[in-house]
Amino acid sequence: MEELLHKIMLQLETMDTRLKGVDTRLENVETKIDRIQLTLDSHHLENIESDDRLLEAIHTTNDRLDFQRDKISKTEEDVYLLKQKH
């Protein structure tokens, strides 16, 4: 009977050791997931900031194009009026 009890105790200790190992591995996985999440958040923020810079550059380019288009239209109008005078 005492031997059976000793075997049961050894098995319980083995199970306890294995559970501690599983807990440790789970903590490591959680830590890695947290690091990955931080990295993803950082990259997501960088992507948003990059998109904002691109949109600003596009807006500036559009403004310049509008300005040039207006200058061309004015020049075309001036040329037309000069032709009409001659």
Protein backbone atom coordinates (compact mmCIF):
# COMPACT_ATOMS: atom_id res chain seq x y z
CA MET A 1 0.00 0.00 0.00
CA GLU A 2 2.80 2.35 0.86
CA GLU A 3 4.53 1.55 -2.43
CA LEU A 4 1.33 2.37 -4.36
CA LEU A 5 1.05 5.65 -2.50
CA HIS A 6 4.70 6.40 -3.32
CA LYS A 7 4.06 5.70 -7.05
CA ILE A 8 1.04 7.99 -6.99
CA MET A 9 3.09 10.73 -5.34
CA LEU A 10 5.84 10.33 -7.97
CA GLN A 11 3.30 10.57 -10.75
CA LEU A 12 1.77 13.67 -9.18
CA GLU A 13 5.21 15.26 -8.88
CA THR A 14 5.92 14.39 -12.52
CA MET A 15 2.63 15.93 -13.57
CA ASP A 16 3.37 19.00 -11.47
CA THR A 17 6.79 19.37 -13.11
CA ARG A 18 5.28 19.00 -16.57
CA LEU A 19 2.59 21.57 -15.76
CA LYS A 20 5.25 24.02 -14.60
CA GLY A 21 7.07 23.44 -17.89
CA VAL A 22 3.87 24.07 -19.83
CA ASP A 23 3.24 27.25 -17.81
CA THR A 24 6.76 28.47 -18.56
CA ARG A 25 6.37 27.77 -22.28
CA LEU A 26 2.97 29.47 -22.29
CA GLU A 27 4.46 32.55 -20.64
CA ASN A 28 7.21 32.58 -23.29
CA VAL A 29 4.60 32.37 -26.05
CA GLU A 30 2.59 35.18 -24.48
CA THR A 31 5.72 37.32 -24.23
CA LYS A 32 6.54 36.68 -27.88
CA ILE A 33 2.96 37.50 -28.90
CA ASP A 34 3.16 40.77 -26.96
CA ARG A 35 6.43 41.66 -28.74
CA ILE A 36 4.91 40.81 -32.11
CA GLN A 37 1.88 42.95 -31.30
CA LEU A 38 4.11 45.89 -30.38
CA THR A 39 6.04 45.47 -33.63
CA LEU A 40 2.84 45.28 -35.66
CA ASP A 41 1.43 48.35 -33.93
CA SER A 42 4.65 50.24 -34.64
CA HIS A 43 4.65 49.23 -38.31
CA HIS A 44 0.96 50.06 -38.62
CA LEU A 45 1.61 53.53 -37.24
CA GLU A 46 4.56 53.98 -39.63
CA ASN A 47 2.33 52.95 -42.54
CA ILE A 48 -0.34 55.46 -41.54
CA GLU A 49 2.26 58.22 -41.25
CA SER A 50 3.73 57.24 -44.62
CA ASP A 51 0.26 57.32 -46.19
CA ASP A 52 -0.31 60.77 -44.73
CA ARG A 53 2.97 62.02 -46.23
CA LEU A 54 2.06 60.54 -49.62
CA LEU A 55 -1.38 62.14 -49.53
CA GLU A 56 0.19 65.50 -48.69
CA ALA A 57 2.64 65.11 -51.58
CA ILE A 58 -0.24 64.25 -53.92
CA HIS A 59 -2.18 67.27 -52.70
CA THR A 60 0.82 69.53 -53.29
CA THR A 61 1.34 68.05 -56.76
CA ASN A 62 -2.33 68.58 -57.59
CA ASP A 63 -2.06 72.21 -56.48
CA ARG A 64 0.98 72.71 -58.72
CA LEU A 65 -0.77 71.06 -61.65
CA ASP A 66 -3.83 73.26 -61.12
CA PHE A 67 -1.58 76.34 -61.09
CA GLN A 68 0.21 75.28 -64.30
CA ARG A 69 -3.11 74.41 -65.98
CA ASP A 70 -4.45 77.85 -65.11
CA LYS A 71 -1.29 79.49 -66.51
CA ILE A 72 -1.63 77.49 -69.73
CA SER A 73 -5.29 78.45 -70.04
CA LYS A 74 -4.45 82.11 -69.53
CA THR A 75 -1.65 81.91 -72.10
CA GLU A 76 -3.94 80.20 -74.60
CA GLU A 77 -6.52 82.91 -74.03
CA ASP A 78 -3.91 85.63 -74.55
CA VAL A 79 -2.74 83.98 -77.78
CA TYR A 80 -6.32 83.70 -79.00
CA LEU A 81 -7.00 87.38 -78.24
CA LEU A 82 -3.79 88.41 -79.99
CA LYS A 83 -4.80 86.44 -83.07
CA GLN A 84 -8.18 88.12 -83.03
CA LYS A 85 -6.55 91.58 -83.08
CA HIS A 86 -4.53 90.84 -86.18
